[in-house]
PDB file of N, CA and C in Angstrom:
ATOM      1  N   MET A   1       5.592 -15.149  -1.836  1.00  0.00           N
ATOM      2  CA  MET A   1       4.200 -14.975  -2.109  1.00  0.00           C
ATOM      3  C   MET A   1       4.081 -13.533  -2.862  1.00  0.00           C
ATOM      4  N   LYS A   2       2.713 -13.638  -3.341  1.00  0.00           N
ATOM      5  CA  LYS A   2       1.982 -12.622  -4.156  1.00  0.00           C
ATOM      6  C   LYS A   2       0.964 -12.016  -3.648  1.00  0.00           C
ATOM      7  N   ILE A   3       1.063 -10.070  -3.678  1.00  0.00           N
ATOM      8  CA  ILE A   3       0.185  -9.508  -3.110  1.00  0.00           C
ATOM      9  C   ILE A   3      -0.278  -8.645  -3.858  1.00  0.00           C
ATOM     10  N   LYS A   4      -1.659  -8.080  -3.932  1.00  0.00           N
ATOM     11  CA  LYS A   4      -2.256  -7.155  -4.855  1.00  0.00           C
ATOM     12  C   LYS A   4      -1.889  -6.014  -3.772  1.00  0.00           C
ATOM     13  N   VAL A   5      -1.928  -4.672  -4.762  1.00  0.00           N
ATOM     14  CA  VAL A   5      -1.525  -3.256  -3.935  1.00  0.00           C
ATOM     15  C   VAL A   5      -2.588  -2.486  -4.976  1.00  0.00           C
ATOM     16  N   HIS A   6      -3.270  -2.061  -4.532  1.00  0.00           N
ATOM     17  CA  HIS A   6      -4.042  -0.584  -4.828  1.00  0.00           C
ATOM     18  C   HIS A   6      -3.891   0.742  -4.500  1.00  0.00           C
ATOM     19  N   LEU A   7      -3.479   1.450  -5.532  1.00  0.00           N
ATOM     20  CA  LEU A   7      -2.800   2.964  -4.771  1.00  0.00           C
ATOM     21  C   LEU A   7      -4.080   3.739  -5.356  1.00  0.00           C
ATOM     22  N   PHE A   8      -4.385   4.673  -4.334  1.00  0.00           N
ATOM     23  CA  PHE A   8      -5.136   5.943  -4.921  1.00  0.00           C
ATOM     24  C   PHE A   8      -4.820   7.086  -5.171  1.00  0.00           C
ATOM     25  N   ALA A   9      -5.589   8.270  -5.558  1.00  0.00           N
ATOM     26  CA  ALA A   9      -5.252   9.651  -5.466  1.00  0.00           C
ATOM     27  C   ALA A   9      -4.033   9.827  -5.864  1.00  0.00           C
ATOM     28  N   SER A  10      -2.884  10.483  -5.005  1.00  0.00           N
ATOM     29  CA  SER A  10      -1.741  10.911  -5.807  1.00  0.00           C
ATOM     30  C   SER A  10      -0.872   9.878  -5.423  1.00  0.00           C
ATOM     31  N   LEU A  11      -1.174   8.681  -4.637  1.00  0.00           N
ATOM     32  CA  LEU A  11      -0.139   7.796  -4.918  1.00  0.00           C
ATOM     33  C   LEU A  11      -0.294   7.183  -6.139  1.00  0.00           C
ATOM     34  N   ALA A  12      -1.192   7.010  -6.925  1.00  0.00           N
ATOM     35  CA  ALA A  12      -1.319   6.331  -8.018  1.00  0.00           C
ATOM     36  C   ALA A  12      -0.879   7.429  -9.089  1.00  0.00           C
ATOM     37  N   LYS A  13      -1.315   8.127  -9.186  1.00  0.00           N
ATOM     38  CA  LYS A  13      -0.593   9.422 -10.139  1.00  0.00           C
ATOM     39  C   LYS A  13       0.883   9.623  -9.840  1.00  0.00           C
ATOM     40  N   GLN A  14       1.469   9.321  -9.013  1.00  0.00           N
ATOM     41  CA  GLN A  14       2.941   9.524  -8.707  1.00  0.00           C
ATOM     42  C   GLN A  14       3.684   7.936  -9.194  1.00  0.00           C
ATOM     43  N   ARG A  15       2.950   7.266  -9.163  1.00  0.00           N
ATOM     44  CA  ARG A  15       3.733   5.844  -9.494  1.00  0.00           C
ATOM     45  C   ARG A  15       3.323   5.217 -10.017  1.00  0.00           C
ATOM     46  N   TYR A  16       2.024   4.854 -10.247  1.00  0.00           N
ATOM     47  CA  TYR A  16       1.568   3.986 -11.438  1.00  0.00           C
ATOM     48  C   TYR A  16       0.012   4.521 -12.254  1.00  0.00           C
ATOM     49  N   PRO A  17       0.252   5.678 -13.276  1.00  0.00           N
ATOM     50  CA  PRO A  17      -0.469   6.453 -13.403  1.00  0.00           C
ATOM     51  C   PRO A  17      -1.945   5.596 -14.489  1.00  0.00           C
ATOM     52  N   GLU A  18      -1.473   4.753 -15.023  1.00  0.00           N
ATOM     53  CA  GLU A  18      -2.047   4.171 -16.018  1.00  0.00           C
ATOM     54  C   GLU A  18      -3.139   3.230 -15.078  1.00  0.00           C
ATOM     55  N   GLU A  19      -2.481   2.547 -14.234  1.00  0.00           N
ATOM     56  CA  GLU A  19      -3.656   1.329 -13.660  1.00  0.00           C
ATOM     57  C   GLU A  19      -3.996   1.862 -11.977  1.00  0.00           C
ATOM     58  N   GLY A  20      -2.960   2.313 -11.187  1.00  0.00           N
ATOM     59  CA  GLY A  20      -3.797   2.648  -9.892  1.00  0.00           C
ATOM     60  C   GLY A  20      -3.304   1.117  -9.255  1.00  0.00           C
ATOM     61  N   PHE A  21      -2.880  -0.051  -9.625  1.00  0.00           N
ATOM     62  CA  PHE A  21      -2.872  -1.023  -9.105  1.00  0.00           C
ATOM     63  C   PHE A  21      -1.636  -1.891  -9.568  1.00  0.00           C
ATOM     64  N   MET A  22      -0.994  -3.091  -8.351  1.00  0.00           N
ATOM     65  CA  MET A  22      -0.288  -3.642  -9.156  1.00  0.00           C
ATOM     66  C   MET A  22       0.061  -5.144  -8.249  1.00  0.00           C
ATOM     67  N   SER A  23       0.658  -6.047  -8.765  1.00  0.00           N
ATOM     68  CA  SER A  23       0.925  -6.940  -8.044  1.00  0.00           C
ATOM     69  C   SER A  23       2.439  -7.097  -7.639  1.00  0.00           C
ATOM     70  N   LEU A  24       2.440  -7.555  -6.429  1.00  0.00           N
ATOM     71  CA  LEU A  24       4.430  -7.516  -5.738  1.00  0.00           C
ATOM     72  C   LEU A  24       4.664  -8.971  -5.362  1.00  0.00           C
ATOM     73  N   ASP A  25       5.830  -9.437  -5.642  1.00  0.00           N
ATOM     74  CA  ASP A  25       6.176 -10.286  -5.125  1.00  0.00           C
ATOM     75  C   ASP A  25       6.754  -9.911  -3.567  1.00  0.00           C
ATOM     76  N   ALA A  26       6.300 -10.744  -2.582  1.00  0.00           N
ATOM     77  CA  ALA A  26       6.840 -10.444  -1.514  1.00  0.00           C
ATOM     78  C   ALA A  26       7.569 -11.678  -0.619  1.00  0.00           C
ATOM     79  N   PRO A  27       8.176 -11.259   0.287  1.00  0.00           N
ATOM     80  CA  PRO A  27       9.186 -12.522   0.937  1.00  0.00           C
ATOM     81  C   PRO A  27       7.987 -12.685   2.368  1.00  0.00           C
ATOM     82  N   GLU A  28       7.941 -14.037   2.397  1.00  0.00           N
ATOM     83  CA  GLU A  28       7.582 -14.488   3.626  1.00  0.00           C
ATOM     84  C   GLU A  28       7.637 -13.545   4.940  1.00  0.00           C
ATOM     85  N   GLY A  29       6.460 -12.821   5.466  1.00  0.00           N
ATOM     86  CA  GLY A  29       6.823 -12.218   6.731  1.00  0.00           C
ATOM     87  C   GLY A  29       6.577 -10.819   6.513  1.00  0.00           C
ATOM     88  N   ALA A  30       6.476 -10.454   5.034  1.00  0.00           N
ATOM     89  CA  ALA A  30       6.590  -9.217   4.715  1.00  0.00           C
ATOM     90  C   ALA A  30       5.400  -7.911   5.649  1.00  0.00           C
ATOM     91  N   THR A  31       5.486  -6.950   5.632  1.00  0.00           N
ATOM     92  CA  THR A  31       4.578  -6.185   6.424  1.00  0.00           C
ATOM     93  C   THR A  31       3.962  -5.160   5.715  1.00  0.00           C
ATOM     94  N   VAL A  32       2.830  -4.583   6.047  1.00  0.00           N
ATOM     95  CA  VAL A  32       2.572  -3.512   5.325  1.00  0.00           C
ATOM     96  C   VAL A  32       3.897  -2.161   5.081  1.00  0.00           C
ATOM     97  N   GLU A  33       4.460  -2.262   6.073  1.00  0.00           N
ATOM     98  CA  GLU A  33       5.613  -1.042   6.044  1.00  0.00           C
ATOM     99  C   GLU A  33       6.567  -1.776   5.259  1.00  0.00           C
ATOM    100  N   TRP A  34       6.526  -3.059   5.041  1.00  0.00           N
ATOM    101  CA  TRP A  34       7.774  -3.329   3.833  1.00  0.00           C
ATOM    102  C   TRP A  34       6.939  -2.737   2.362  1.00  0.00           C
ATOM    103  N   VAL A  35       5.790  -2.846   2.101  1.00  0.00           N
ATOM    104  CA  VAL A  35       5.184  -2.078   0.920  1.00  0.00           C
ATOM    105  C   VAL A  35       5.517  -0.872   0.687  1.00  0.00           C
ATOM    106  N   LEU A  36       4.991  -0.240   1.559  1.00  0.00           N
ATOM    107  CA  LEU A  36       5.554   1.071   2.106  1.00  0.00           C
ATOM    108  C   LEU A  36       7.253   1.593   1.604  1.00  0.00           C
ATOM    109  N   GLU A  37       7.927   0.871   2.053  1.00  0.00           N
ATOM    110  CA  GLU A  37       9.086   1.367   1.987  1.00  0.00           C
ATOM    111  C   GLU A  37       9.470   0.961   0.066  1.00  0.00           C
ATOM    112  N   ARG A  38       9.152  -0.683  -0.190  1.00  0.00           N
ATOM    113  CA  ARG A  38       9.174  -0.944  -1.575  1.00  0.00           C
ATOM    114  C   ARG A  38       8.690  -0.038  -2.458  1.00  0.00           C
ATOM    115  N   LEU A  39       7.708   0.566  -2.526  1.00  0.00           N
ATOM    116  CA  LEU A  39       6.978   2.072  -3.239  1.00  0.00           C
ATOM    117  C   LEU A  39       7.440   3.230  -3.075  1.00  0.00           C
ATOM    118  N   SER A  40       8.454   3.523  -2.130  1.00  0.00           N
ATOM    119  CA  SER A  40       8.990   4.292  -1.625  1.00  0.00           C
ATOM    120  C   SER A  40       8.118   5.938  -1.024  1.00  0.00           C
ATOM    121  N   VAL A  41       7.043   5.372  -0.331  1.00  0.00           N
ATOM    122  CA  VAL A  41       6.234   6.104   0.245  1.00  0.00           C
ATOM    123  C   VAL A  41       7.000   6.264   1.617  1.00  0.00           C
ATOM    124  N   GLY A  42       7.694   7.498   1.678  1.00  0.00           N
ATOM    125  CA  GLY A  42       8.245   8.411   2.754  1.00  0.00           C
ATOM    126  C   GLY A  42       7.383   8.596   3.895  1.00  0.00           C
ATOM    127  N   PRO A  43       8.304   8.594   4.867  1.00  0.00           N
ATOM    128  CA  PRO A  43       7.589   8.754   6.192  1.00  0.00           C
ATOM    129  C   PRO A  43       6.245  10.550   6.344  1.00  0.00           C
ATOM    130  N   ARG A  44       6.896  10.848   5.577  1.00  0.00           N
ATOM    131  CA  ARG A  44       6.053  12.475   5.531  1.00  0.00           C
ATOM    132  C   ARG A  44       4.890  12.035   4.832  1.00  0.00           C
ATOM    133  N   THR A  45       4.648  11.154   4.308  1.00  0.00           N
ATOM    134  CA  THR A  45       3.266  10.828   3.488  1.00  0.00           C
ATOM    135  C   THR A  45       2.753   9.902   4.495  1.00  0.00           C
ATOM    136  N   THR A  46       1.465  10.600   4.783  1.00  0.00           N
ATOM    137  CA  THR A  46       0.363   9.619   5.485  1.00  0.00           C
ATOM    138  C   THR A  46      -0.505   9.072   4.631  1.00  0.00           C
ATOM    139  N   VAL A  47      -0.489   7.642   4.972  1.00  0.00           N
ATOM    140  CA  VAL A  47      -1.293   6.792   4.470  1.00  0.00           C
ATOM    141  C   VAL A  47      -2.304   6.092   4.781  1.00  0.00           C
ATOM    142  N   ILE A  48      -3.248   5.759   4.983  1.00  0.00           N
ATOM    143  CA  ILE A  48      -4.439   4.854   5.248  1.00  0.00           C
ATOM    144  C   ILE A  48      -4.057   3.597   4.732  1.00  0.00           C
ATOM    145  N   PRO A  49      -3.566   2.582   5.437  1.00  0.00           N
ATOM    146  CA  PRO A  49      -3.524   1.106   4.627  1.00  0.00           C
ATOM    147  C   PRO A  49      -4.623   0.082   5.191  1.00  0.00           C
ATOM    148  N   LEU A  50      -5.371  -0.277   3.913  1.00  0.00           N
ATOM    149  CA  LEU A  50      -6.646  -1.304   4.491  1.00  0.00           C
ATOM    150  C   LEU A  50      -6.285  -2.547   3.992  1.00  0.00           C
ATOM    151  N   LEU A  51      -6.431  -3.883   4.689  1.00  0.00           N
ATOM    152  CA  LEU A  51      -6.084  -4.692   4.450  1.00  0.00           C
ATOM    153  C   LEU A  51      -7.529  -5.608   4.289  1.00  0.00           C
ATOM    154  N   GLU A  52      -7.450  -6.489   3.263  1.00  0.00           N
ATOM    155  CA  GLU A  52      -8.781  -6.721   3.103  1.00  0.00           C
ATOM    156  C   GLU A  52     -10.111  -6.597   3.737  1.00  0.00           C
ATOM    157  N   GLY A  53     -10.017  -4.877   3.325  1.00  0.00           N
ATOM    158  CA  GLY A  53     -11.174  -4.107   3.726  1.00  0.00           C
ATOM    159  C   GLY A  53     -11.222  -3.515   5.309  1.00  0.00           C
ATOM    160  N   GLU A  54     -10.153  -4.061   5.966  1.00  0.00           N
ATOM    161  CA  GLU A  54      -9.947  -3.313   7.607  1.00  0.00           C
ATOM    162  C   GLU A  54      -8.620  -2.411   7.332  1.00  0.00           C
ATOM    163  N   VAL A  55      -8.444  -1.341   8.247  1.00  0.00           N
ATOM    164  CA  VAL A  55      -7.659  -0.723   8.473  1.00  0.00           C
ATOM    165  C   VAL A  55      -6.662  -1.387   8.946  1.00  0.00           C
ATOM    166  N   ALA A  56      -5.537  -1.510   8.771  1.00  0.00           N
ATOM    167  CA  ALA A  56      -4.499  -2.440   8.856  1.00  0.00           C
ATOM    168  C   ALA A  56      -3.291  -1.452   9.387  1.00  0.00           C
ATOM    169  N   ASP A  57      -2.614  -1.999  10.729  1.00  0.00           N
ATOM    170  CA  ASP A  57      -1.090  -0.890  11.263  1.00  0.00           C
ATOM    171  C   ASP A  57      -0.271  -1.486  10.459  1.00  0.00           C
ATOM    172  N   LYS A  58       1.019  -0.553  10.219  1.00  0.00           N
ATOM    173  CA  LYS A  58       2.206  -0.980   9.357  1.00  0.00           C
ATOM    174  C   LYS A  58       2.740  -2.105   9.382  1.00  0.00           C
ATOM    175  N   ASP A  59       2.903  -2.523  10.969  1.00  0.00           N
ATOM    176  CA  ASP A  59       3.481  -4.142  11.358  1.00  0.00           C
ATOM    177  C   ASP A  59       2.903  -5.048  10.837  1.00  0.00           C
ATOM    178  N   GLN A  60       1.568  -4.903  10.296  1.00  0.00           N
ATOM    179  CA  GLN A  60       0.739  -6.380   9.962  1.00  0.00           C
ATOM    180  C   GLN A  60       1.442  -6.777   9.065  1.00  0.00           C
ATOM    181  N   VAL A  61       1.815  -8.222   9.321  1.00  0.00           N
ATOM    182  CA  VAL A  61       2.044  -9.376   8.344  1.00  0.00           C
ATOM    183  C   VAL A  61       0.968 -10.008   7.121  1.00  0.00           C
ATOM    184  N   LEU A  62       1.634  -9.704   6.147  1.00  0.00           N
ATOM    185  CA  LEU A  62       0.772  -9.866   5.167  1.00  0.00           C
ATOM    186  C   LEU A  62       0.832 -11.600   4.533  1.00  0.00           C
ATOM    187  N   GLU A  63      -0.007 -11.892   3.849  1.00  0.00           N
ATOM    188  CA  GLU A  63       0.058 -13.184   3.662  1.00  0.00           C
ATOM    189  C   GLU A  63      -0.479 -13.224   1.903  1.00  0.00           C
ATOM    190  N   ASP A  64       0.023 -14.709   1.317  1.00  0.00           N
ATOM    191  CA  ASP A  64      -0.038 -14.686  -0.108  1.00  0.00           C
ATOM    192  C   ASP A  64      -1.724 -14.546  -0.462  1.00  0.00           C
ATOM    193  N   GLY A  65      -1.865 -13.888  -1.289  1.00  0.00           N
ATOM    194  CA  GLY A  65      -3.035 -13.566  -2.020  1.00  0.00           C
ATOM    195  C   GLY A  65      -3.851 -12.102  -1.556  1.00  0.00           C
ATOM    196  N   ASP A  66      -3.207 -11.660  -0.313  1.00  0.00           N
ATOM    197  CA  ASP A  66      -3.708 -10.450   0.136  1.00  0.00           C
ATOM    198  C   ASP A  66      -3.908  -9.604  -0.930  1.00  0.00           C
ATOM    199  N   THR A  67      -4.992  -8.491  -0.640  1.00  0.00           N
ATOM    200  CA  THR A  67      -4.940  -7.155  -1.111  1.00  0.00           C
ATOM    201  C   THR A  67      -4.933  -5.819  -0.278  1.00  0.00           C
ATOM    202  N   LEU A  68      -3.749  -5.081  -0.346  1.00  0.00           N
ATOM    203  CA  LEU A  68      -4.018  -3.610   0.372  1.00  0.00           C
ATOM    204  C   LEU A  68      -3.790  -2.881  -0.565  1.00  0.00           C
ATOM    205  N   LYS A  69      -4.432  -1.813   0.117  1.00  0.00           N
ATOM    206  CA  LYS A  69      -5.331  -0.609  -0.510  1.00  0.00           C
ATOM    207  C   LYS A  69      -4.731   0.743   0.506  1.00  0.00           C
ATOM    208  N   LEU A  70      -4.019   1.743  -0.567  1.00  0.00           N
ATOM    209  CA  LEU A  70      -3.319   2.725   0.145  1.00  0.00           C
ATOM    210  C   LEU A  70      -4.124   3.952  -0.400  1.00  0.00           C
ATOM    211  N   PHE A  71      -4.786   4.627   0.959  1.00  0.00           N
ATOM    212  CA  PHE A  71      -5.028   5.864   0.351  1.00  0.00           C
ATOM    213  C   PHE A  71      -4.242   7.098   1.379  1.00  0.00           C
ATOM    214  N   PRO A  72      -3.737   8.124   0.695  1.00  0.00           N
ATOM    215  CA  PRO A  72      -2.932   9.327   1.074  1.00  0.00           C
ATOM    216  C   PRO A  72      -4.102  10.391   1.714  1.00  0.00           C
ATOM    217  N   VAL A  73      -3.724  10.276   3.150  1.00  0.00           N
ATOM    218  CA  VAL A  73      -4.146  11.443   3.471  1.00  0.00           C
ATOM    219  C   VAL A  73      -4.467  13.114   2.902  1.00  0.00           C
ATOM    220  N   MET A  74      -5.601  13.622   2.895  1.00  0.00           N
ATOM    221  CA  MET A  74      -5.286  14.843   2.132  1.00  0.00           C
ATOM    222  C   MET A  74      -6.120  15.698   3.380  1.00  0.00           C
ATOM    223  N   GLY A  75      -5.426  16.792   2.876  1.00  0.00           N
ATOM    224  CA  GLY A  75      -6.075  18.048   3.799  1.00  0.00           C
ATOM    225  C   GLY A  75      -6.431  19.157   2.866  1.00  0.00           C
ATOM    226  N   GLY A  76      -7.691  19.731   3.408  1.00  0.00           N
ATOM    227  CA  GLY A  76      -8.293  20.899   2.783  1.00  0.00           C
ATOM    228  C   GLY A  76      -8.807  22.104   3.682  1.00  0.00           C
ATOM    229  N   GLY A  77      -9.349  22.749   3.309  1.00  0.00           N
ATOM    230  CA  GLY A  77     -10.501  23.810   3.744  1.00  0.00           C
ATOM    231  C   GLY A  77     -11.191  24.738   3.121  1.00  0.00           C
TER     232      GLY A  77
END
């Protein structure tokens, strides 16, 4: 199945600086966690995943044609 992944802020710069998004071929039953592992987003990087505009759990199962947006959590002061 195909899913679209949009990367924002530091995730886009680190991985796909020209576009910030990509399409992935994912196996049936793939989850948000599967995408994070595939993109080498380690456990030390806190990410807010949005699936079709709603906050998703990392164990959320993806479906063909889904759009997943990944926002890194930033701190500051």
